[in-house]
Amino acid sequence: MTKSLLESAKQTTELLKTVEFLKEQKDNIVKVNNTIKQLKAVRELARNNEILFRTVRTDLRGILNSPYIRAGEVEQVTRSFEQIMDMAIDDLDFVNQVLSSDFFKMTDAERTAILMEKKVRSREMVAELEVKTRRYREIISFRRMQERINNREANY
């Protein structure tokens, strides 16, 4: 019976070591998973900001160069696009601080939550920019059509 108890104790010890090892591996997997989530969030943030910058660079120039945008509207159009870009730049600066500085003393889960929040916000900014761009293009299209109608020759 003593032999059996000793053998059982050895097996229990080995089992506890195995459980501890599995817990460590689970923690490592969670850390890797959080890191992957952070990387994906940062990648999407970068992609969304690239879309924002490209859209502003190309579409804003086209809108502002249109003869159908009135002089008083140029500042308003520019300001609305500028606000979105300022928010995007501020978010990028904040994300850079979160990722590069240990000042915030965050866990991986907290850092991932912030990155996910910023990712969602960048999607919203892209959507808002697309809506504004489409709206200004529709205004230009409407004014172009209005000009054609007003300047047509009557054949009656």
N, C-alpha and C. Protein backbone atom coordinates (compact mmCIF):
# COMPACT_ATOMS: atom_id res chain seq x y z
N MET A 1 0.82 -1.18 0.00
CA MET A 1 0.00 0.00 0.00
C MET A 1 0.87 1.26 0.00
N THR A 2 1.97 1.21 0.74
CA THR A 2 2.89 2.34 0.76
C THR A 2 3.46 2.57 -0.62
N LYS A 3 3.79 1.51 -1.27
CA LYS A 3 4.34 1.60 -2.62
C LYS A 3 3.32 2.26 -3.55
N SER A 4 2.10 1.85 -3.39
CA SER A 4 1.01 2.40 -4.22
C SER A 4 0.82 3.89 -3.94
N LEU A 5 0.90 4.27 -2.68
CA LEU A 5 0.78 5.69 -2.32
C LEU A 5 1.94 6.50 -2.89
N LEU A 6 3.15 5.98 -2.81
CA LEU A 6 4.30 6.68 -3.38
C LEU A 6 4.16 6.85 -4.89
N GLU A 7 3.73 5.80 -5.53
CA GLU A 7 3.54 5.84 -6.98
C GLU A 7 2.45 6.86 -7.34
N SER A 8 1.39 6.87 -6.56
CA SER A 8 0.30 7.80 -6.78
C SER A 8 0.78 9.24 -6.57
N ALA A 9 1.60 9.46 -5.56
CA ALA A 9 2.15 10.79 -5.28
C ALA A 9 3.04 11.25 -6.44
N LYS A 10 3.85 10.35 -6.99
CA LYS A 10 4.70 10.69 -8.13
C LYS A 10 3.85 11.08 -9.33
N GLN A 11 2.81 10.31 -9.57
CA GLN A 11 1.93 10.60 -10.71
C GLN A 11 1.22 11.94 -10.53
N THR A 12 0.80 12.20 -9.28
CA THR A 12 0.14 13.47 -8.98
C THR A 12 1.10 14.63 -9.19
N THR A 13 2.35 14.46 -8.76
CA THR A 13 3.37 15.49 -8.96
C THR A 13 3.59 15.74 -10.44
N GLU A 14 3.70 14.67 -11.20
CA GLU A 14 3.89 14.81 -12.65
C GLU A 14 2.67 15.47 -13.29
N LEU A 15 1.50 15.10 -12.81
CA LEU A 15 0.26 15.69 -13.33
C LEU A 15 0.21 17.18 -13.03
N LEU A 16 0.61 17.58 -11.83
CA LEU A 16 0.64 19.00 -11.47
C LEU A 16 1.64 19.76 -12.33
N LYS A 17 2.79 19.16 -12.61
CA LYS A 17 3.78 19.79 -13.48
C LYS A 17 3.22 19.97 -14.88
N THR A 18 2.50 18.95 -15.34
CA THR A 18 1.89 19.02 -16.68
C THR A 18 0.83 20.12 -16.72
N VAL A 19 0.02 20.21 -15.67
CA VAL A 19 -1.01 21.25 -15.61
C VAL A 19 -0.35 22.63 -15.61
N GLU A 20 0.70 22.80 -14.85
CA GLU A 20 1.42 24.09 -14.81
C GLU A 20 2.00 24.43 -16.18
N PHE A 21 2.59 23.42 -16.82
CA PHE A 21 3.14 23.62 -18.16
C PHE A 21 2.04 24.03 -19.14
N LEU A 22 0.90 23.39 -19.07
CA LEU A 22 -0.22 23.72 -19.97
C LEU A 22 -0.76 25.12 -19.69
N LYS A 23 -0.78 25.51 -18.42
CA LYS A 23 -1.21 26.88 -18.09
C LYS A 23 -0.25 27.90 -18.71
N GLU A 24 1.05 27.65 -18.60
CA GLU A 24 2.04 28.54 -19.20
C GLU A 24 1.86 28.63 -20.71
N GLN A 25 1.62 27.49 -21.33
CA GLN A 25 1.43 27.47 -22.78
C GLN A 25 0.16 28.22 -23.17
N LYS A 26 -0.89 28.06 -22.36
CA LYS A 26 -2.13 28.79 -22.62
C LYS A 26 -1.88 30.30 -22.53
N ASP A 27 -1.15 30.73 -21.50
CA ASP A 27 -0.81 32.15 -21.34
C ASP A 27 0.00 32.65 -22.54
N ASN A 28 0.94 31.83 -22.99
CA ASN A 28 1.74 32.21 -24.17
C ASN A 28 0.86 32.35 -25.40
N ILE A 29 -0.08 31.43 -25.57
CA ILE A 29 -0.99 31.49 -26.72
C ILE A 29 -1.85 32.75 -26.66
N VAL A 30 -2.33 33.09 -25.46
CA VAL A 30 -3.13 34.30 -25.28
C VAL A 30 -2.31 35.53 -25.63
N LYS A 31 -1.05 35.56 -25.19
CA LYS A 31 -0.17 36.70 -25.51
C LYS A 31 0.05 36.82 -27.01
N VAL A 32 0.31 35.70 -27.66
CA VAL A 32 0.51 35.71 -29.11
C VAL A 32 -0.76 36.14 -29.82
N ASN A 33 -1.91 35.66 -29.35
CA ASN A 33 -3.18 36.03 -29.94
C ASN A 33 -3.43 37.53 -29.80
N ASN A 34 -3.15 38.09 -28.63
CA ASN A 34 -3.30 39.54 -28.44
C ASN A 34 -2.35 40.31 -29.34
N THR A 35 -1.14 39.83 -29.48
CA THR A 35 -0.18 40.49 -30.35
C THR A 35 -0.66 40.47 -31.80
N ILE A 36 -1.19 39.34 -32.23
CA ILE A 36 -1.72 39.23 -33.60
C ILE A 36 -2.89 40.19 -33.79
N LYS A 37 -3.78 40.27 -32.79
CA LYS A 37 -4.91 41.20 -32.88
C LYS A 37 -4.40 42.64 -32.98
N GLN A 38 -3.37 42.96 -32.18
CA GLN A 38 -2.80 44.30 -32.23
C GLN A 38 -2.21 44.60 -33.60
N LEU A 39 -1.48 43.64 -34.15
CA LEU A 39 -0.87 43.83 -35.46
C LEU A 39 -1.94 44.03 -36.55
N LYS A 40 -2.98 43.23 -36.49
CA LYS A 40 -4.06 43.37 -37.47
C LYS A 40 -4.74 44.73 -37.33
N ALA A 41 -4.96 45.16 -36.10
CA ALA A 41 -5.58 46.46 -35.88
C ALA A 41 -4.69 47.59 -36.40
N VAL A 42 -3.40 47.49 -36.13
CA VAL A 42 -2.46 48.52 -36.61
C VAL A 42 -2.41 48.52 -38.14
N ARG A 43 -2.42 47.32 -38.73
CA ARG A 43 -2.40 47.23 -40.19
C ARG A 43 -3.65 47.88 -40.80
N GLU A 44 -4.81 47.60 -40.20
CA GLU A 44 -6.04 48.21 -40.73
C GLU A 44 -6.04 49.72 -40.51
N LEU A 45 -5.53 50.16 -39.36
CA LEU A 45 -5.40 51.60 -39.12
C LEU A 45 -4.54 52.25 -40.20
N ALA A 46 -3.42 51.63 -40.50
CA ALA A 46 -2.53 52.18 -41.52
C ALA A 46 -3.22 52.20 -42.88
N ARG A 47 -3.91 51.12 -43.21
CA ARG A 47 -4.62 51.05 -44.49
C ARG A 47 -5.71 52.12 -44.58
N ASN A 48 -6.49 52.29 -43.50
CA ASN A 48 -7.55 53.29 -43.50
C ASN A 48 -6.98 54.70 -43.60
N ASN A 49 -5.88 54.95 -42.91
CA ASN A 49 -5.27 56.27 -43.00
C ASN A 49 -4.69 56.52 -44.40
N GLU A 50 -4.18 55.48 -45.02
CA GLU A 50 -3.70 55.62 -46.40
C GLU A 50 -4.86 55.98 -47.33
N ILE A 51 -6.00 55.34 -47.12
CA ILE A 51 -7.19 55.66 -47.92
C ILE A 51 -7.60 57.11 -47.67
N LEU A 52 -7.58 57.53 -46.41
CA LEU A 52 -7.93 58.92 -46.09
C LEU A 52 -7.02 59.90 -46.80
N PHE A 53 -5.71 59.68 -46.69
CA PHE A 53 -4.76 60.61 -47.31
C PHE A 53 -4.90 60.62 -48.83
N ARG A 54 -5.05 59.45 -49.42
CA ARG A 54 -5.19 59.37 -50.88
C ARG A 54 -6.47 60.06 -51.34
N THR A 55 -7.55 59.82 -50.62
CA THR A 55 -8.83 60.44 -50.98
C THR A 55 -8.74 61.95 -50.89
N VAL A 56 -8.18 62.42 -49.81
CA VAL A 56 -8.06 63.87 -49.65
C VAL A 56 -7.17 64.46 -50.73
N ARG A 57 -6.07 63.79 -51.01
CA ARG A 57 -5.13 64.32 -52.00
C ARG A 57 -5.76 64.38 -53.39
N THR A 58 -6.46 63.34 -53.80
CA THR A 58 -6.99 63.31 -55.16
C THR A 58 -8.38 63.94 -55.26
N ASP A 59 -9.31 63.49 -54.43
CA ASP A 59 -10.69 63.94 -54.55
C ASP A 59 -10.86 65.39 -54.14
N LEU A 60 -10.20 65.80 -53.08
CA LEU A 60 -10.33 67.18 -52.64
C LEU A 60 -9.83 68.14 -53.72
N ARG A 61 -8.73 67.79 -54.35
CA ARG A 61 -8.20 68.63 -55.43
C ARG A 61 -9.23 68.74 -56.57
N GLY A 62 -9.82 67.62 -56.93
CA GLY A 62 -10.83 67.63 -57.99
C GLY A 62 -12.05 68.44 -57.62
N ILE A 63 -12.47 68.33 -56.38
CA ILE A 63 -13.65 69.09 -55.93
C ILE A 63 -13.34 70.58 -55.91
N LEU A 64 -12.21 70.95 -55.36
CA LEU A 64 -11.87 72.37 -55.24
C LEU A 64 -11.57 73.01 -56.60
N ASN A 65 -11.08 72.22 -57.55
CA ASN A 65 -10.79 72.76 -58.88
C ASN A 65 -12.02 72.85 -59.77
N SER A 66 -13.13 72.34 -59.30
CA SER A 66 -14.35 72.38 -60.09
C SER A 66 -14.88 73.80 -60.18
N PRO A 67 -15.31 74.19 -61.36
CA PRO A 67 -15.89 75.54 -61.50
C PRO A 67 -17.26 75.65 -60.83
N TYR A 68 -17.82 74.55 -60.41
CA TYR A 68 -19.16 74.56 -59.82
C TYR A 68 -19.13 74.69 -58.29
N ILE A 69 -17.96 74.74 -57.73
CA ILE A 69 -17.82 75.02 -56.30
C ILE A 69 -17.56 76.51 -56.17
N ARG A 70 -18.42 77.16 -55.43
CA ARG A 70 -18.34 78.62 -55.28
C ARG A 70 -17.19 79.00 -54.35
N ALA A 71 -16.73 80.21 -54.49
CA ALA A 71 -15.56 80.68 -53.73
C ALA A 71 -15.80 80.58 -52.23
N GLY A 72 -16.97 80.89 -51.77
CA GLY A 72 -17.27 80.82 -50.34
C GLY A 72 -17.31 79.40 -49.81
N GLU A 73 -17.54 78.46 -50.69
CA GLU A 73 -17.63 77.06 -50.26
C GLU A 73 -16.26 76.39 -50.14
N VAL A 74 -15.26 76.94 -50.78
CA VAL A 74 -13.93 76.33 -50.78
C VAL A 74 -13.41 76.18 -49.36
N GLU A 75 -13.56 77.21 -48.55
CA GLU A 75 -13.08 77.15 -47.18
C GLU A 75 -13.86 76.12 -46.36
N GLN A 76 -15.16 76.07 -46.57
CA GLN A 76 -16.00 75.11 -45.85
C GLN A 76 -15.63 73.67 -46.22
N VAL A 77 -15.44 73.41 -47.51
CA VAL A 77 -15.06 72.08 -47.98
C VAL A 77 -13.70 71.70 -47.40
N THR A 78 -12.77 72.62 -47.49
CA THR A 78 -11.42 72.37 -46.99
C THR A 78 -11.44 72.10 -45.49
N ARG A 79 -12.20 72.88 -44.76
CA ARG A 79 -12.27 72.72 -43.30
C ARG A 79 -12.87 71.36 -42.92
N SER A 80 -13.90 70.92 -43.64
CA SER A 80 -14.52 69.64 -43.29
C SER A 80 -13.57 68.47 -43.54
N PHE A 81 -12.79 68.55 -44.63
CA PHE A 81 -11.81 67.50 -44.90
C PHE A 81 -10.64 67.58 -43.90
N GLU A 82 -10.27 68.81 -43.55
CA GLU A 82 -9.16 69.03 -42.62
C GLU A 82 -9.47 68.46 -41.24
N GLN A 83 -10.71 68.60 -40.80
CA GLN A 83 -11.10 68.08 -39.49
C GLN A 83 -10.91 66.57 -39.42
N ILE A 84 -11.32 65.88 -40.46
CA ILE A 84 -11.17 64.43 -40.49
C ILE A 84 -9.69 64.06 -40.47
N MET A 85 -8.89 64.75 -41.26
CA MET A 85 -7.46 64.44 -41.32
C MET A 85 -6.78 64.73 -39.98
N ASP A 86 -7.18 65.81 -39.31
CA ASP A 86 -6.60 66.12 -38.01
C ASP A 86 -6.91 65.02 -36.99
N MET A 87 -8.15 64.53 -37.01
CA MET A 87 -8.52 63.43 -36.11
C MET A 87 -7.69 62.19 -36.42
N ALA A 88 -7.50 61.90 -37.69
CA ALA A 88 -6.74 60.71 -38.09
C ALA A 88 -5.29 60.84 -37.62
N ILE A 89 -4.70 62.00 -37.78
CA ILE A 89 -3.32 62.22 -37.35
C ILE A 89 -3.20 62.12 -35.84
N ASP A 90 -4.16 62.71 -35.11
CA ASP A 90 -4.14 62.62 -33.65
C ASP A 90 -4.25 61.17 -33.19
N ASP A 91 -5.13 60.41 -33.84
CA ASP A 91 -5.27 58.99 -33.50
C ASP A 91 -3.99 58.22 -33.76
N LEU A 92 -3.33 58.51 -34.88
CA LEU A 92 -2.06 57.84 -35.18
C LEU A 92 -1.00 58.17 -34.15
N ASP A 93 -0.94 59.43 -33.74
CA ASP A 93 0.02 59.82 -32.71
C ASP A 93 -0.25 59.09 -31.39
N PHE A 94 -1.53 59.00 -31.03
CA PHE A 94 -1.89 58.32 -29.80
C PHE A 94 -1.54 56.84 -29.87
N VAL A 95 -1.85 56.21 -30.99
CA VAL A 95 -1.53 54.78 -31.16
C VAL A 95 -0.02 54.58 -31.09
N ASN A 96 0.73 55.49 -31.70
CA ASN A 96 2.19 55.41 -31.64
C ASN A 96 2.67 55.47 -30.19
N GLN A 97 2.09 56.36 -29.39
CA GLN A 97 2.47 56.46 -27.99
C GLN A 97 2.10 55.20 -27.22
N VAL A 98 0.91 54.66 -27.50
CA VAL A 98 0.47 53.45 -26.81
C VAL A 98 1.40 52.29 -27.11
N LEU A 99 1.81 52.17 -28.37
CA LEU A 99 2.64 51.04 -28.76
C LEU A 99 4.11 51.19 -28.39
N SER A 100 4.61 52.41 -28.42
CA SER A 100 6.05 52.58 -28.24
C SER A 100 6.45 52.97 -26.82
N SER A 101 5.54 53.47 -26.05
CA SER A 101 5.90 53.95 -24.72
C SER A 101 5.32 53.03 -23.65
N ASP A 102 6.09 52.80 -22.64
CA ASP A 102 5.60 52.00 -21.52
C ASP A 102 5.03 52.92 -20.45
N PHE A 103 4.83 54.17 -20.80
CA PHE A 103 4.34 55.19 -19.90
C PHE A 103 2.94 54.84 -19.38
N PHE A 104 2.12 54.25 -20.24
CA PHE A 104 0.74 53.97 -19.88
C PHE A 104 0.58 52.73 -18.99
N LYS A 105 1.58 51.88 -18.92
CA LYS A 105 1.54 50.67 -18.09
C LYS A 105 0.27 49.87 -18.35
N MET A 106 0.09 49.46 -19.59
CA MET A 106 -1.11 48.74 -19.99
C MET A 106 -0.82 47.26 -20.16
N THR A 107 -1.87 46.49 -19.97
CA THR A 107 -1.76 45.08 -20.29
C THR A 107 -2.00 44.92 -21.79
N ASP A 108 -1.69 43.75 -22.31
CA ASP A 108 -1.93 43.50 -23.73
C ASP A 108 -3.41 43.61 -24.07
N ALA A 109 -4.26 43.15 -23.17
CA ALA A 109 -5.71 43.21 -23.42
C ALA A 109 -6.18 44.66 -23.49
N GLU A 110 -5.70 45.52 -22.62
CA GLU A 110 -6.08 46.93 -22.64
C GLU A 110 -5.56 47.61 -23.90
N ARG A 111 -4.34 47.31 -24.26
CA ARG A 111 -3.76 47.87 -25.47
C ARG A 111 -4.55 47.42 -26.70
N THR A 112 -4.92 46.14 -26.73
CA THR A 112 -5.70 45.61 -27.85
C THR A 112 -7.06 46.30 -27.92
N ALA A 113 -7.69 46.53 -26.76
CA ALA A 113 -8.99 47.20 -26.74
C ALA A 113 -8.89 48.61 -27.31
N ILE A 114 -7.84 49.33 -26.95
CA ILE A 114 -7.65 50.69 -27.47
C ILE A 114 -7.43 50.65 -28.98
N LEU A 115 -6.60 49.71 -29.43
CA LEU A 115 -6.33 49.61 -30.86
C LEU A 115 -7.60 49.26 -31.63
N MET A 116 -8.41 48.38 -31.09
CA MET A 116 -9.67 48.02 -31.76
C MET A 116 -10.60 49.22 -31.83
N GLU A 117 -10.64 50.01 -30.76
CA GLU A 117 -11.46 51.22 -30.74
C GLU A 117 -10.99 52.20 -31.81
N LYS A 118 -9.69 52.38 -31.92
CA LYS A 118 -9.15 53.29 -32.92
C LYS A 118 -9.38 52.76 -34.33
N LYS A 119 -9.35 51.43 -34.48
CA LYS A 119 -9.60 50.82 -35.78
C LYS A 119 -11.04 51.12 -36.22
N VAL A 120 -11.98 50.95 -35.30
CA VAL A 120 -13.38 51.24 -35.61
C VAL A 120 -13.55 52.72 -35.94
N ARG A 121 -12.88 53.56 -35.18
CA ARG A 121 -12.97 55.01 -35.43
C ARG A 121 -12.39 55.36 -36.80
N SER A 122 -11.31 54.71 -37.20
CA SER A 122 -10.73 55.00 -38.51
C SER A 122 -11.67 54.54 -39.63
N ARG A 123 -12.37 53.42 -39.42
CA ARG A 123 -13.37 52.99 -40.40
C ARG A 123 -14.46 54.04 -40.54
N GLU A 124 -14.90 54.58 -39.39
CA GLU A 124 -15.94 55.61 -39.41
C GLU A 124 -15.46 56.86 -40.14
N MET A 125 -14.19 57.21 -39.95
CA MET A 125 -13.65 58.40 -40.64
C MET A 125 -13.60 58.17 -42.14
N VAL A 126 -13.21 56.97 -42.56
CA VAL A 126 -13.18 56.65 -43.99
C VAL A 126 -14.60 56.75 -44.55
N ALA A 127 -15.57 56.19 -43.84
CA ALA A 127 -16.96 56.24 -44.30
C ALA A 127 -17.45 57.69 -44.37
N GLU A 128 -17.12 58.47 -43.36
CA GLU A 128 -17.53 59.88 -43.35
C GLU A 128 -16.91 60.65 -44.51
N LEU A 129 -15.65 60.38 -44.77
CA LEU A 129 -14.96 61.05 -45.88
C LEU A 129 -15.58 60.65 -47.21
N GLU A 130 -15.93 59.38 -47.36
CA GLU A 130 -16.56 58.93 -48.60
C GLU A 130 -17.92 59.59 -48.78
N VAL A 131 -18.68 59.74 -47.70
CA VAL A 131 -19.99 60.38 -47.78
C VAL A 131 -19.83 61.84 -48.18
N LYS A 132 -18.88 62.53 -47.57
CA LYS A 132 -18.65 63.95 -47.91
C LYS A 132 -18.20 64.09 -49.36
N THR A 133 -17.30 63.23 -49.78
CA THR A 133 -16.82 63.29 -51.16
C THR A 133 -17.97 63.06 -52.13
N ARG A 134 -18.78 62.05 -51.85
CA ARG A 134 -19.93 61.75 -52.72
C ARG A 134 -20.91 62.92 -52.73
N ARG A 135 -21.14 63.52 -51.57
CA ARG A 135 -22.06 64.66 -51.49
C ARG A 135 -21.55 65.84 -52.32
N TYR A 136 -20.27 66.15 -52.21
CA TYR A 136 -19.74 67.27 -52.99
C TYR A 136 -19.75 66.96 -54.48
N ARG A 137 -19.48 65.73 -54.84
CA ARG A 137 -19.54 65.34 -56.27
C ARG A 137 -20.97 65.45 -56.79
N GLU A 138 -21.95 65.11 -55.97
CA GLU A 138 -23.35 65.24 -56.37
C GLU A 138 -23.74 66.70 -56.52
N ILE A 139 -23.23 67.54 -55.65
CA ILE A 139 -23.49 68.99 -55.77
C ILE A 139 -22.92 69.50 -57.08
N ILE A 140 -21.69 69.10 -57.38
CA ILE A 140 -21.05 69.51 -58.64
C ILE A 140 -21.86 69.01 -59.83
N SER A 141 -22.27 67.76 -59.79
CA SER A 141 -23.05 67.18 -60.88
C SER A 141 -24.38 67.91 -61.05
N PHE A 142 -25.04 68.20 -59.93
CA PHE A 142 -26.31 68.93 -59.99
C PHE A 142 -26.12 70.32 -60.59
N ARG A 143 -25.10 71.02 -60.16
CA ARG A 143 -24.86 72.38 -60.68
C ARG A 143 -24.48 72.35 -62.15
N ARG A 144 -23.75 71.34 -62.57
CA ARG A 144 -23.40 71.19 -63.98
C ARG A 144 -24.68 70.98 -64.81
N MET A 145 -25.54 70.11 -64.33
CA MET A 145 -26.80 69.85 -65.03
C MET A 145 -27.67 71.11 -65.03
N GLN A 146 -27.71 71.82 -63.93
CA GLN A 146 -28.49 73.04 -63.82
C GLN A 146 -27.98 74.09 -64.82
N GLU A 147 -26.68 74.18 -64.95
CA GLU A 147 -26.10 75.13 -65.90
C GLU A 147 -26.48 74.76 -67.34
N ARG A 148 -26.44 73.49 -67.68
CA ARG A 148 -26.82 73.05 -69.02
C ARG A 148 -28.27 73.35 -69.32
N ILE A 149 -29.12 73.13 -68.32
CA ILE A 149 -30.55 73.39 -68.51
C ILE A 149 -30.78 74.89 -68.69
N ASN A 150 -30.13 75.69 -67.89
CA ASN A 150 -30.33 77.14 -67.95
C ASN A 150 -29.74 77.75 -69.22
N ASN A 151 -28.72 77.12 -69.80
CA ASN A 151 -28.05 77.68 -70.96
C ASN A 151 -28.45 77.00 -72.28
N ARG A 152 -29.43 76.16 -72.28
CA ARG A 152 -29.83 75.50 -73.51
C ARG A 152 -30.61 76.46 -74.38
N GLU A 153 -30.56 76.15 -75.67
CA GLU A 153 -31.29 76.99 -76.63
C GLU A 153 -32.68 76.43 -76.80
N ALA A 154 -33.60 77.34 -76.87
CA ALA A 154 -35.00 76.92 -77.06
C ALA A 154 -35.26 76.71 -78.55
N ASN A 155 -35.86 75.60 -78.92
CA ASN A 155 -36.16 75.29 -80.30
C ASN A 155 -37.69 75.23 -80.52
N TYR A 156 -38.36 76.30 -80.24
CA TYR A 156 -39.82 76.31 -80.45
C TYR A 156 -40.29 77.59 -81.05
